[in-house]
Amino acid sequence: MRKITGNKLLVKALREEGVDILFGYPGACTIDISDELYKQDYTRVILPRHEQAAVHAADAYARSTGKVGVCLVTSGPGATNLVTGIATANYDSVPLVCFTGQVARNLIGNDAFQEVDIIGITRSICKYGVTVRNREDLGRIIKEAFYIARTGKPGPVIIDLPKDVMGELGNPEYPESVNIRGYKPNAGVHIGQLKRAVKMLHKAKRPLFLAGGGVNIAHANEAFTKLAETTGIPVITTIMGRGAIPTKHPLFIGNLGMHGMYAANMAVSECDLLFSIGTRFNDRITGRIHEFAPKAQIVHIDIDTASISRNVHVDVPIVADAKEASEKMLEYVTKVEMEEGWLEQIEAWKEEHPLKMKQKQVLTPQKIIEAINENFEKAIVVTDVGQHQMFMTQYLEMDENKKLLTSGGLGTMGYGFPGAIGAQIGNPDVPVIAISGDGGMQMNIQEFATAVGQELPLILCVFNNNYLGMVRQWQKLFYGKRYSMTCLRARKECEGKCGEAGHVCPPYTPDFVKLAESYGAKGIRVFKEEEIQSAFDEARKNTNVPTLIEFIIDPEDLVYPMIQPGGTLEDMLMDC
């Protein structure tokens, strides 16, 4: 049997695992891998302009295709630049395999050039991480990595590759199967627990379904929607669960939580059974934890055992995949006889505080998002983090043809642009729209070079309000309008003068339109509502180059409703 190097085996493994796209940035410890990738024609290599962009792109590629996202970076700073993206994927349960270069084994621990313990650094923010110490273990470790990443609760896996190990000759065979002692993902539904939950469902008078991101991750949307329709039970979602049921469905109430819909938050406070599928019950959806769903028994279905009863005590725990559990429930559920007036009460809450922004003559985020709803029947929308993200989760209409990708658990600014690149590469025939604030856009703006180089017809929407808007919103509401560190027009000349009579604010930096054009992309600036349609029309004509549309919006447009810090779901600030 002819032996091959570890570098060749890695390239062979990528093919065996069906990795058609790899996002990678080279360096000294991975240059031999780059050379082997050059010699093959199966795995397409995408060169970003920053390692963080590589992992975000791989993340969105995975979210949008259902495949495992893969990235490759060198040792030291290359590896550490992945950390934020690894944590992002970990919190949102995204299957990634991240390969990092490492110095030779004899140099590990000696403070060698570009040496870091990336496995130690990422231990708490990944599903699994390992440094390959022996060439003969390489194939098995790679096989296990892909299996671990995509099974059970999906997540990121890091494989650290010492340069000398990868250069060694060894077994050319790549394993066909995996047998990991101690790792046996749940493969079924406990029928006894499920029947118990169904029985509670049919006894409930004011039941409510809560769908989290687990429904979308498991691609359980169709089964869950049918479950809601069969029982007639109304549905609320977390931000990450939005789209679990079409947003125009009559049973859909809205999002729950800090910026959730009034009717959704009130429904949780008054329901007698909260039936949750695929959510962690984090602080952004519960408000004051001890007063969450005070009148309700709680059923919790989740693939992750550790997520059940961690934050909120539940009455019936069920460890199961969201799709499998929903499909199984359909065998037992029937129409639920609810308390007279329960659905009417929910409708009354909707009418009492409908979700809408104050009508203005100037451009508002709601008007922009409504234009996206009207112009794009099919699309993948990728957001950054901030006010624009919350506006999108409130107003974007979603169904099987329109998906939303966003950093929910970690709240990572800078995700939007590289995420859109990954989504577009994975879905070349689907329009991809990135939504960013003027702050978030600048965190990975160098990826214009990647998008232009790959001839991607991205539509990049920048909501420019001159501020780091979400932090400014808190400063306005709770910090006496002391806008510290949030003005993006601030210069040295402004020190001590902000807000003074007669002080003229300096021009905004950068000029987004000129910056886009300097990369070879297109740029459009929009000031008025009547300019929105023509901007999108123009952007759609650019089929092999990205288009940035800068929307000039009012910094006083705040995200409402909003739960006050330390408040309950009923303690909502309303301005809508």
Protein backbone atom coordinates (compact mmCIF):
# COMPACT_ATOMS: atom_id res chain seq x y z
CA MET A 1 0.00 0.00 0.00
CA ARG A 2 1.47 3.30 -1.12
CA LYS A 3 1.71 5.80 1.73
CA ILE A 4 0.72 9.46 1.36
CA THR A 5 1.35 12.62 3.36
CA GLY A 6 -1.12 14.01 5.85
CA ASN A 7 -1.65 16.96 3.52
CA LYS A 8 -2.79 14.65 0.74
CA LEU A 9 -5.02 12.70 3.12
CA LEU A 10 -6.72 15.90 4.26
CA VAL A 11 -7.54 16.86 0.66
CA LYS A 12 -8.81 13.33 0.05
CA ALA A 13 -10.97 13.55 3.21
CA LEU A 14 -12.54 16.81 2.03
CA ARG A 15 -13.64 15.09 -1.16
CA GLU A 16 -14.95 12.06 0.71
CA GLU A 17 -16.99 14.33 3.00
CA GLY A 18 -18.44 16.18 0.01
CA VAL A 19 -16.76 19.48 0.86
CA ASP A 20 -17.20 21.41 -2.37
CA ILE A 21 -16.45 24.82 -0.79
CA LEU A 22 -13.62 25.71 1.58
CA PHE A 23 -13.03 29.20 2.98
CA GLY A 24 -9.35 29.59 3.70
CA TYR A 25 -6.50 32.00 4.38
CA PRO A 26 -2.94 30.68 3.94
CA GLY A 27 0.20 30.89 6.04
CA ALA A 28 3.49 29.21 6.75
CA CYS A 29 1.99 26.29 8.67
CA THR A 30 -0.62 25.52 6.01
CA ILE A 31 1.24 26.33 2.81
CA ASP A 32 1.72 22.63 2.05
CA ILE A 33 -2.04 22.07 2.39
CA SER A 34 -2.63 25.01 0.05
CA ASP A 35 -0.30 23.34 -2.45
CA GLU A 36 -2.26 20.10 -2.34
CA LEU A 37 -5.54 21.97 -2.73
CA TYR A 38 -4.09 23.63 -5.84
CA LYS A 39 -3.51 20.21 -7.42
CA GLN A 40 -7.12 18.99 -7.08
CA ASP A 41 -10.33 20.03 -8.81
CA TYR A 42 -13.14 19.06 -6.42
CA THR A 43 -13.02 21.47 -3.51
CA ARG A 44 -13.34 25.10 -4.52
CA VAL A 45 -11.23 27.40 -2.33
CA ILE A 46 -12.53 30.87 -1.47
CA LEU A 47 -9.97 33.43 -0.25
CA PRO A 48 -11.51 36.03 2.09
CA ARG A 49 -9.59 39.10 3.24
CA HIS A 50 -9.70 38.26 6.94
CA GLU A 51 -9.88 34.97 8.85
CA GLN A 52 -12.93 36.14 10.80
CA ALA A 53 -14.70 36.65 7.49
CA ALA A 54 -13.71 33.10 6.50
CA VAL A 55 -15.41 31.50 9.49
CA HIS A 56 -18.50 33.74 9.22
CA ALA A 57 -18.81 32.84 5.54
CA ALA A 58 -18.47 29.14 6.35
CA ASP A 59 -21.10 29.58 9.07
CA ALA A 60 -23.68 31.16 6.74
CA TYR A 61 -22.85 28.63 4.03
CA ALA A 62 -23.72 25.88 6.53
CA ARG A 63 -26.91 27.59 7.76
CA SER A 64 -28.20 28.17 4.25
CA THR A 65 -27.29 24.81 2.67
CA GLY A 66 -27.61 22.33 5.53
CA LYS A 67 -24.05 21.15 4.87
CA VAL A 68 -21.05 21.34 7.20
CA GLY A 69 -19.16 24.61 6.73
CA VAL A 70 -15.39 24.28 6.44
CA CYS A 71 -12.56 26.77 6.87
CA LEU A 72 -8.77 26.55 6.92
CA VAL A 73 -6.36 29.06 8.47
CA THR A 74 -2.76 29.13 9.57
CA SER A 75 -1.39 29.04 13.11
CA GLY A 76 -1.15 31.85 15.66
CA PRO A 77 -3.09 34.96 14.61
CA GLY A 78 -4.78 33.04 11.83
CA ALA A 79 -6.23 30.67 14.39
CA THR A 80 -7.11 33.32 16.98
CA ASN A 81 -8.92 35.36 14.33
CA LEU A 82 -11.42 32.50 14.17
CA VAL A 83 -12.42 32.74 17.82
CA THR A 84 -15.39 35.11 17.45
CA GLY A 85 -16.76 33.09 14.53
CA ILE A 86 -16.37 29.81 16.42
CA ALA A 87 -18.27 31.26 19.38
CA THR A 88 -20.96 32.59 17.01
CA ALA A 89 -21.47 29.15 15.49
CA ASN A 90 -21.41 27.48 18.90
CA TYR A 91 -24.18 29.64 20.33
CA ASP A 92 -26.36 29.18 17.24
CA SER A 93 -25.66 25.45 16.77
CA VAL A 94 -24.02 25.68 13.35
CA PRO A 95 -22.03 22.66 12.05
CA LEU A 96 -18.48 23.77 11.24
CA VAL A 97 -15.14 22.05 10.90
CA CYS A 98 -12.30 24.52 11.35
CA PHE A 99 -8.79 23.41 10.42
CA THR A 100 -5.97 25.42 11.97
CA GLY A 101 -2.30 25.17 11.18
CA GLN A 102 0.12 24.53 14.03
CA VAL A 103 3.88 24.61 14.46
CA ALA A 104 5.82 21.33 14.46
CA ARG A 105 5.33 19.11 17.50
CA ASN A 106 8.84 19.73 18.86
CA LEU A 107 8.09 23.49 18.96
CA ILE A 108 4.72 23.29 20.72
CA GLY A 109 5.01 24.87 24.16
CA ASN A 110 8.24 26.71 23.31
CA ASP A 111 6.71 30.07 22.39
CA ALA A 112 7.59 29.46 18.78
CA PHE A 113 6.75 31.98 16.07
CA GLN A 114 2.98 32.05 15.48
CA GLU A 115 2.31 29.36 18.08
CA VAL A 116 -0.87 29.45 20.18
CA ASP A 117 -2.84 26.79 22.01
CA ILE A 118 -5.97 27.25 19.93
CA ILE A 119 -7.58 24.13 21.40
CA GLY A 120 -7.16 25.54 24.90
CA ILE A 121 -8.41 28.96 23.80
CA THR A 122 -11.58 27.57 22.21
CA ARG A 123 -12.36 24.75 24.65
CA SER A 124 -15.41 26.51 26.11
CA ILE A 125 -16.83 27.76 22.80
CA CYS A 126 -16.79 24.71 20.57
CA LYS A 127 -18.32 21.27 20.52
CA TYR A 128 -14.97 19.50 20.24
CA GLY A 129 -11.34 20.35 19.60
CA VAL A 130 -8.21 18.27 19.16
CA THR A 131 -4.57 18.61 18.11
CA VAL A 132 -3.45 15.78 15.83
CA ARG A 133 -0.38 14.30 17.49
CA ASN A 134 0.08 11.19 15.31
CA ARG A 135 -0.15 10.88 11.53
CA GLU A 136 -2.01 7.56 11.75
CA ASP A 137 -4.81 9.22 13.73
CA LEU A 138 -5.43 11.93 11.13
CA GLY A 139 -8.05 10.17 9.01
CA ARG A 140 -10.03 8.98 12.02
CA ILE A 141 -9.96 12.43 13.63
CA ILE A 142 -11.21 14.18 10.49
CA LYS A 143 -14.00 11.60 10.07
CA GLU A 144 -15.03 12.04 13.69
CA ALA A 145 -14.92 15.83 13.37
CA PHE A 146 -17.46 15.93 10.57
CA TYR A 147 -19.68 13.44 12.39
CA ILE A 148 -19.57 15.38 15.67
CA ALA A 149 -20.19 18.71 13.92
CA ARG A 150 -23.41 17.65 12.20
CA THR A 151 -25.00 15.18 14.67
CA GLY A 152 -26.94 15.76 17.88
CA LYS A 153 -26.85 19.45 18.65
CA PRO A 154 -24.72 20.72 15.73
CA GLY A 155 -21.70 22.84 16.47
CA PRO A 156 -18.14 23.83 15.56
CA VAL A 157 -15.22 21.42 15.76
CA ILE A 158 -11.57 22.53 15.64
CA ILE A 159 -8.77 20.32 14.30
CA ASP A 160 -5.27 21.64 14.96
CA LEU A 161 -2.72 20.37 12.42
CA PRO A 162 1.00 20.41 13.36
CA LYS A 163 3.05 21.00 10.23
CA ASP A 164 5.34 18.03 10.73
CA VAL A 165 2.41 15.62 11.25
CA MET A 166 0.91 16.78 7.96
CA GLY A 167 4.18 16.20 6.14
CA GLU A 168 4.57 12.62 7.38
CA LEU A 169 3.81 9.62 5.18
CA GLY A 170 1.07 7.28 6.40
CA ASN A 171 -2.01 5.24 5.64
CA PRO A 172 -3.78 6.54 2.48
CA GLU A 173 -7.20 5.20 3.51
CA TYR A 174 -9.97 7.43 4.83
CA PRO A 175 -12.36 5.70 7.26
CA GLU A 176 -15.87 4.87 6.11
CA SER A 177 -17.50 4.81 9.54
CA VAL A 178 -17.28 6.34 13.00
CA ASN A 179 -17.45 4.74 16.42
CA ILE A 180 -16.79 7.26 19.17
CA ARG A 181 -16.88 5.88 22.68
CA GLY A 182 -18.97 8.12 24.92
CA TYR A 183 -20.59 10.06 22.08
CA LYS A 184 -23.97 8.60 21.18
CA PRO A 185 -26.35 11.32 19.94
CA ASN A 186 -29.97 10.83 20.80
CA ALA A 187 -31.59 8.90 18.01
CA GLY A 188 -35.24 8.78 18.96
CA VAL A 189 -38.12 10.22 20.93
CA HIS A 190 -39.20 8.96 24.33
CA ILE A 191 -42.75 7.95 23.46
CA GLY A 192 -43.88 7.89 27.09
CA GLN A 193 -42.79 11.49 27.66
CA LEU A 194 -44.23 12.54 24.33
CA LYS A 195 -47.63 11.02 25.10
CA ARG A 196 -47.58 12.72 28.50
CA ALA A 197 -46.92 16.06 26.80
CA VAL A 198 -49.69 15.48 24.25
CA LYS A 199 -52.11 14.67 27.06
CA MET A 200 -51.25 17.96 28.77
CA LEU A 201 -51.72 19.73 25.45
CA HIS A 202 -55.24 18.44 25.05
CA LYS A 203 -56.16 19.36 28.63
CA ALA A 204 -54.87 22.92 28.32
CA LYS A 205 -57.31 25.80 28.00
CA ARG A 206 -54.87 28.54 27.03
CA PRO A 207 -52.04 26.67 25.27
CA LEU A 208 -49.23 28.29 23.34
CA PHE A 209 -46.48 26.93 21.09
CA LEU A 210 -43.03 28.49 21.38
CA ALA A 211 -40.70 27.68 18.47
CA GLY A 212 -36.98 28.35 18.77
CA GLY A 213 -34.01 28.13 16.46
CA GLY A 214 -33.96 24.34 16.85
CA VAL A 215 -37.00 24.10 14.56
CA ASN A 216 -35.14 25.86 11.75
CA ILE A 217 -31.89 23.97 12.38
CA ALA A 218 -33.71 20.62 12.16
CA HIS A 219 -35.64 21.74 9.04
CA ALA A 220 -38.80 20.93 10.96
CA ASN A 221 -40.76 23.89 9.56
CA GLU A 222 -43.26 21.87 7.54
CA ALA A 223 -43.93 19.36 10.33
CA PHE A 224 -44.21 22.10 12.96
CA THR A 225 -46.60 24.16 10.84
CA LYS A 226 -48.78 21.10 10.34
CA LEU A 227 -48.67 20.47 14.10
CA ALA A 228 -49.94 23.99 14.79
CA GLU A 229 -52.66 23.66 12.15
CA THR A 230 -53.83 20.25 13.42
CA THR A 231 -54.12 21.44 17.02
CA GLY A 232 -55.21 25.02 16.23
CA ILE A 233 -52.79 26.32 18.86
CA PRO A 234 -51.30 29.80 18.33
CA VAL A 235 -47.54 30.15 17.84
CA ILE A 236 -44.87 32.54 19.06
CA THR A 237 -41.19 32.34 18.13
CA THR A 238 -37.82 33.46 19.34
CA ILE A 239 -35.73 35.58 16.99
CA MET A 240 -33.85 32.49 15.86
CA GLY A 241 -37.11 30.58 15.54
CA ARG A 242 -38.72 33.15 13.23
CA GLY A 243 -39.80 31.37 10.09
CA ALA A 244 -40.59 28.11 11.91
CA ILE A 245 -44.11 28.87 10.71
CA PRO A 246 -44.81 31.33 7.88
CA THR A 247 -45.06 34.82 9.34
CA LYS A 248 -48.33 35.44 7.47
CA HIS A 249 -49.91 32.30 8.92
CA PRO A 250 -53.08 33.14 10.90
CA LEU A 251 -51.79 31.16 13.92
CA PHE A 252 -48.55 33.14 14.12
CA ILE A 253 -48.59 35.87 16.78
CA GLY A 254 -45.05 37.26 16.63
CA ASN A 255 -41.67 37.19 18.29
CA LEU A 256 -41.21 36.83 22.01
CA GLY A 257 -38.82 38.70 24.26
CA MET A 258 -36.92 41.94 24.70
CA HIS A 259 -38.10 43.42 21.39
CA GLY A 260 -40.97 41.02 20.88
CA MET A 261 -44.53 41.78 19.92
CA TYR A 262 -46.82 42.96 22.69
CA ALA A 263 -49.36 40.21 21.98
CA ALA A 264 -46.66 37.50 22.08
CA ASN A 265 -45.28 38.63 25.43
CA MET A 266 -48.75 38.97 26.94
CA ALA A 267 -49.74 35.53 25.65
CA VAL A 268 -46.80 33.95 27.48
CA SER A 269 -47.79 35.75 30.67
CA GLU A 270 -51.37 34.43 30.48
CA CYS A 271 -51.07 30.96 28.94
CA ASP A 272 -51.61 27.84 31.06
CA LEU A 273 -49.36 25.60 28.93
CA LEU A 274 -46.20 26.73 27.14
CA PHE A 275 -45.11 24.04 24.71
CA SER A 276 -41.57 24.88 23.66
CA ILE A 277 -39.58 23.26 20.85
CA GLY A 278 -35.92 24.06 20.24
CA THR A 279 -35.13 27.03 22.48
CA ARG A 280 -32.69 27.65 25.33
CA PHE A 281 -34.90 30.10 27.26
CA ASN A 282 -32.14 32.70 27.42
CA ASP A 283 -32.52 36.06 29.15
CA ARG A 284 -33.49 37.91 25.96
CA ILE A 285 -36.77 36.00 25.76
CA THR A 286 -37.64 35.44 29.42
CA GLY A 287 -37.18 38.87 30.98
CA ARG A 288 -37.12 38.49 34.78
CA ILE A 289 -36.64 34.75 34.95
CA HIS A 290 -38.71 34.02 38.07
CA GLU A 291 -41.76 35.74 36.60
CA PHE A 292 -41.63 34.08 33.19
CA ALA A 293 -44.84 32.27 32.17
CA PRO A 294 -46.14 32.44 35.77
CA LYS A 295 -49.45 30.65 35.08
CA ALA A 296 -48.12 27.93 32.80
CA GLN A 297 -46.92 24.39 32.89
CA ILE A 298 -43.97 24.04 30.53
CA VAL A 299 -43.10 21.28 28.07
CA HIS A 300 -39.62 21.54 26.59
CA ILE A 301 -38.38 19.58 23.57
CA ASP A 302 -34.70 20.07 22.74
CA ILE A 303 -31.91 18.02 21.21
CA ASP A 304 -29.52 19.22 23.91
CA THR A 305 -30.05 17.64 27.31
CA ALA A 306 -28.07 20.43 29.00
CA SER A 307 -30.48 23.10 27.71
CA ILE A 308 -33.53 21.60 29.43
CA SER A 309 -34.35 23.13 32.85
CA ARG A 310 -31.08 25.06 32.83
CA ASN A 311 -32.75 28.47 32.94
CA VAL A 312 -36.45 27.70 33.34
CA HIS A 313 -37.83 24.74 35.27
CA VAL A 314 -39.94 22.56 32.99
CA ASP A 315 -42.67 20.07 33.85
CA VAL A 316 -42.11 17.66 30.97
CA PRO A 317 -38.60 17.39 29.46
CA ILE A 318 -38.17 15.63 26.13
CA VAL A 319 -34.73 15.18 24.59
CA ALA A 320 -35.29 14.88 20.86
CA ASP A 321 -34.68 16.37 17.44
CA ALA A 322 -37.31 19.00 16.67
CA LYS A 323 -38.30 17.47 13.35
CA GLU A 324 -38.52 13.93 14.64
CA ALA A 325 -40.54 15.03 17.68
CA SER A 326 -42.93 17.16 15.61
CA GLU A 327 -43.52 14.36 13.12
CA LYS A 328 -44.12 11.88 15.92
CA MET A 329 -46.55 14.21 17.66
CA LEU A 330 -48.64 14.38 14.51
CA GLU A 331 -49.51 10.72 15.08
CA TYR A 332 -51.21 11.56 18.39
CA VAL A 333 -52.59 15.11 18.31
CA THR A 334 -56.03 16.30 17.36
CA LYS A 335 -57.82 19.62 17.48
CA VAL A 336 -57.43 21.16 20.96
CA GLU A 337 -60.57 22.51 22.66
CA MET A 338 -59.32 25.79 24.06
CA GLU A 339 -60.97 28.18 26.48
CA GLU A 340 -63.57 30.35 24.83
CA GLY A 341 -62.07 33.75 24.23
CA TRP A 342 -58.38 32.72 24.29
CA LEU A 343 -57.78 33.31 20.59
CA GLU A 344 -59.96 36.42 20.72
CA GLN A 345 -57.87 37.79 23.57
CA ILE A 346 -54.71 37.34 21.53
CA GLU A 347 -56.29 39.20 18.62
CA ALA A 348 -57.32 41.98 21.01
CA TRP A 349 -53.70 42.34 22.19
CA LYS A 350 -52.59 42.56 18.55
CA GLU A 351 -55.09 45.35 17.90
CA GLU A 352 -54.22 47.14 21.13
CA HIS A 353 -50.54 47.43 20.19
CA PRO A 354 -49.94 46.57 16.53
CA LEU A 355 -46.36 46.30 15.40
CA LYS A 356 -45.65 49.44 13.42
CA MET A 357 -43.32 52.41 13.53
CA LYS A 358 -44.48 56.00 13.76
CA GLN A 359 -45.37 57.31 10.35
CA LYS A 360 -42.92 59.93 9.15
CA GLN A 361 -42.22 61.80 5.97
CA VAL A 362 -38.59 60.67 6.13
CA LEU A 363 -37.19 57.23 5.40
CA THR A 364 -37.84 54.59 8.10
CA PRO A 365 -36.49 51.03 8.50
CA GLN A 366 -40.01 49.64 8.27
CA LYS A 367 -40.50 51.16 4.80
CA ILE A 368 -37.22 49.65 3.59
CA ILE A 369 -38.07 46.20 4.92
CA GLU A 370 -41.58 46.34 3.46
CA ALA A 371 -39.96 47.07 0.10
CA ILE A 372 -37.80 43.94 0.53
CA ASN A 373 -40.96 41.94 1.31
CA GLU A 374 -42.61 43.24 -1.86
CA ASN A 375 -39.63 42.92 -4.19
CA PHE A 376 -38.18 39.56 -3.18
CA GLU A 377 -40.51 36.58 -3.13
CA LYS A 378 -37.49 34.32 -2.71
CA ALA A 379 -34.37 35.44 -0.87
CA ILE A 380 -31.83 34.79 1.86
CA VAL A 381 -31.45 37.77 4.17
CA VAL A 382 -28.33 37.99 6.32
CA THR A 383 -28.05 40.60 9.06
CA ASP A 384 -25.46 42.15 11.25
CA VAL A 385 -26.32 42.92 14.87
CA GLY A 386 -27.98 46.03 16.23
CA GLN A 387 -31.17 48.00 15.67
CA HIS A 388 -31.41 46.95 12.02
CA GLN A 389 -31.31 43.29 13.12
CA MET A 390 -34.26 43.78 15.46
CA PHE A 391 -36.20 45.70 12.80
CA MET A 392 -35.64 42.79 10.39
CA THR A 393 -36.85 40.23 12.93
CA GLN A 394 -39.96 42.32 13.46
CA TYR A 395 -40.96 43.23 9.90
CA LEU A 396 -39.37 40.71 7.50
CA GLU A 397 -41.96 38.30 6.12
CA MET A 398 -40.64 34.74 6.12
CA ASP A 399 -41.75 31.41 4.68
CA GLU A 400 -40.18 28.44 2.90
CA ASN A 401 -38.85 30.79 0.19
CA LYS A 402 -37.44 33.56 2.36
CA LYS A 403 -34.91 32.82 5.10
CA LEU A 404 -33.15 34.93 7.72
CA LEU A 405 -29.57 34.27 8.86
CA THR A 406 -28.34 36.20 11.88
CA SER A 407 -26.12 35.92 14.93
CA GLY A 408 -28.61 35.32 17.73
CA GLY A 409 -26.83 33.86 20.73
CA LEU A 410 -23.55 35.78 20.61
CA GLY A 411 -24.80 38.93 18.84
CA THR A 412 -21.79 39.32 16.56
CA MET A 413 -21.34 42.61 14.74
CA GLY A 414 -19.50 42.08 11.47
CA TYR A 415 -21.35 38.85 10.65
CA GLY A 416 -23.61 40.26 7.94
CA PHE A 417 -21.32 40.94 4.97
CA PRO A 418 -19.14 37.79 5.11
CA GLY A 419 -22.24 35.77 6.02
CA ALA A 420 -23.92 37.02 2.85
CA ILE A 421 -20.86 35.94 0.84
CA GLY A 422 -21.07 32.41 2.25
CA ALA A 423 -24.82 32.21 1.66
CA GLN A 424 -24.50 33.44 -1.93
CA ILE A 425 -21.71 30.99 -2.76
CA GLY A 426 -23.80 28.17 -1.33
CA ASN A 427 -26.97 29.35 -3.10
CA PRO A 428 -25.88 30.92 -6.40
CA ASP A 429 -29.42 31.05 -7.83
CA VAL A 430 -31.07 32.75 -4.84
CA PRO A 431 -30.98 36.52 -4.22
CA VAL A 432 -28.94 37.27 -1.10
CA ILE A 433 -29.43 40.53 0.78
CA ALA A 434 -27.14 41.70 3.59
CA ILE A 435 -28.55 44.14 6.14
CA SER A 436 -26.01 46.09 8.17
CA GLY A 437 -25.76 49.20 10.27
CA ASP A 438 -23.09 51.74 9.44
CA GLY A 439 -21.08 50.44 12.40
CA GLY A 440 -21.34 46.72 11.67
CA MET A 441 -20.64 47.20 7.97
CA GLN A 442 -17.24 48.65 8.76
CA MET A 443 -16.16 45.64 10.81
CA ASN A 444 -15.60 43.43 7.77
CA ILE A 445 -15.86 45.93 4.94
CA GLN A 446 -12.66 44.57 3.37
CA GLU A 447 -14.77 41.68 2.09
CA PHE A 448 -15.79 43.87 -0.82
CA ALA A 449 -12.63 42.51 -2.41
CA THR A 450 -13.87 38.93 -1.92
CA ALA A 451 -17.38 39.65 -3.19
CA VAL A 452 -16.11 41.50 -6.25
CA GLY A 453 -13.50 38.84 -6.95
CA GLN A 454 -16.13 36.09 -6.79
CA GLU A 455 -18.55 38.15 -8.95
CA LEU A 456 -21.33 37.87 -6.38
CA PRO A 457 -24.55 39.84 -7.08
CA LEU A 458 -25.07 40.69 -3.42
CA ILE A 459 -27.37 43.52 -2.38
CA LEU A 460 -25.78 45.18 0.65
CA CYS A 461 -28.18 47.44 2.54
CA VAL A 462 -26.56 49.82 5.02
CA PHE A 463 -28.92 51.50 7.50
CA ASN A 464 -26.90 54.64 8.20
CA ASN A 465 -28.05 56.62 11.23
CA ASN A 466 -24.59 58.03 12.07
CA TYR A 467 -24.48 56.13 15.36
CA LEU A 468 -23.98 52.77 16.97
CA GLY A 469 -27.74 52.73 17.16
CA MET A 470 -28.60 50.05 19.70
CA VAL A 471 -26.16 51.35 22.30
CA ARG A 472 -27.38 54.88 21.60
CA GLN A 473 -30.96 53.72 22.17
CA TRP A 474 -30.03 52.53 25.65
CA GLN A 475 -28.17 55.79 26.28
CA LYS A 476 -31.23 57.77 25.28
CA LEU A 477 -33.71 55.78 27.34
CA PHE A 478 -31.68 54.90 30.44
CA TYR A 479 -28.52 57.06 30.55
CA GLY A 480 -29.81 60.62 30.30
CA LYS A 481 -28.94 61.01 26.60
CA ARG A 482 -25.22 60.82 27.34
CA TYR A 483 -24.12 59.52 23.95
CA SER A 484 -20.70 58.33 24.96
CA MET A 485 -18.64 56.43 22.34
CA THR A 486 -21.57 55.97 19.94
CA CYS A 487 -21.34 58.85 17.43
CA LEU A 488 -19.64 57.61 14.25
CA ARG A 489 -19.12 61.15 12.93
CA ALA A 490 -17.15 62.22 16.00
CA ARG A 491 -13.70 63.71 15.45
CA LYS A 492 -11.11 65.33 17.66
CA GLU A 493 -12.61 68.73 16.84
CA CYS A 494 -15.91 67.64 18.42
CA GLU A 495 -14.47 67.05 21.91
CA GLY A 496 -16.56 68.93 24.46
CA LYS A 497 -18.80 70.44 21.77
CA CYS A 498 -21.32 67.68 21.04
CA GLY A 499 -24.82 69.01 21.50
CA GLU A 500 -23.70 72.61 21.87
CA ALA A 501 -25.64 75.30 20.05
CA GLY A 502 -23.96 76.22 16.81
CA HIS A 503 -21.77 73.11 16.65
CA VAL A 504 -21.79 71.68 13.15
CA CYS A 505 -21.25 67.92 12.93
CA PRO A 506 -18.42 66.87 10.61
CA PRO A 507 -19.19 64.84 7.49
CA TYR A 508 -19.63 61.09 7.83
CA THR A 509 -16.58 58.90 7.24
CA PRO A 510 -16.37 56.82 5.07
CA ASP A 511 -18.33 57.68 1.99
CA PHE A 512 -19.88 54.24 1.53
CA VAL A 513 -20.78 54.79 -2.11
CA LYS A 514 -17.27 55.87 -3.09
CA LEU A 515 -15.77 53.08 -1.01
CA ALA A 516 -17.89 50.46 -2.78
CA GLU A 517 -16.93 51.92 -6.14
CA SER A 518 -13.23 51.87 -5.21
CA TYR A 519 -13.48 48.08 -4.87
CA GLY A 520 -15.22 47.75 -8.22
CA ALA A 521 -18.71 47.38 -6.73
CA LYS A 522 -21.73 49.61 -7.30
CA GLY A 523 -22.97 52.20 -4.83
CA ILE A 524 -26.35 53.92 -4.40
CA ARG A 525 -27.47 56.40 -1.72
CA VAL A 526 -31.14 56.70 -0.75
CA PHE A 527 -32.66 59.59 1.21
CA LYS A 528 -36.39 59.29 0.47
CA GLU A 529 -39.07 56.58 0.47
CA GLU A 530 -39.81 57.18 -3.21
CA GLU A 531 -36.18 56.30 -4.06
CA ILE A 532 -36.30 52.82 -2.50
CA GLN A 533 -37.87 51.00 -5.43
CA SER A 534 -35.52 52.42 -8.05
CA ALA A 535 -32.53 51.51 -5.86
CA PHE A 536 -33.60 47.87 -5.66
CA ASP A 537 -34.41 47.84 -9.38
CA GLU A 538 -30.92 49.10 -10.17
CA ALA A 539 -29.27 46.65 -7.77
CA ARG A 540 -31.02 43.67 -9.37
CA LYS A 541 -29.56 44.61 -12.75
CA ASN A 542 -26.03 44.06 -11.42
CA THR A 543 -25.78 40.30 -11.88
CA ASN A 544 -22.02 39.82 -11.44
CA VAL A 545 -21.04 42.49 -8.96
CA PRO A 546 -22.28 43.49 -5.48
CA THR A 547 -24.34 46.63 -4.99
CA LEU A 548 -24.29 48.68 -1.80
CA ILE A 549 -27.41 50.72 -1.04
CA GLU A 550 -26.87 53.26 1.72
CA PHE A 551 -30.17 54.22 3.36
CA ILE A 552 -29.96 57.48 5.33
CA ILE A 553 -32.25 57.02 8.33
CA ASP A 554 -33.15 59.00 11.44
CA PRO A 555 -31.11 58.15 14.58
CA GLU A 556 -34.29 58.76 16.58
CA ASP A 557 -35.94 55.68 15.05
CA LEU A 558 -35.82 53.32 18.03
CA VAL A 559 -36.76 49.65 18.32
CA TYR A 560 -40.07 49.20 20.14
CA PRO A 561 -41.55 47.38 22.02
CA MET A 562 -38.71 47.03 24.51
CA ILE A 563 -38.56 45.31 27.87
CA GLN A 564 -37.00 47.52 30.51
CA PRO A 565 -33.76 46.23 32.07
CA GLY A 566 -34.62 43.75 34.80
CA GLY A 567 -38.30 43.85 33.84
CA THR A 568 -40.84 41.16 33.07
CA LEU A 569 -42.44 40.44 29.72
CA GLU A 570 -45.27 42.72 30.76
CA ASP A 571 -42.91 45.65 31.51
CA MET A 572 -42.76 46.86 27.94
CA LEU A 573 -41.89 50.32 26.70
CA MET A 574 -44.32 51.06 23.90
CA ASP A 575 -43.89 53.61 21.16
CA CYS A 576 -45.80 51.87 18.45
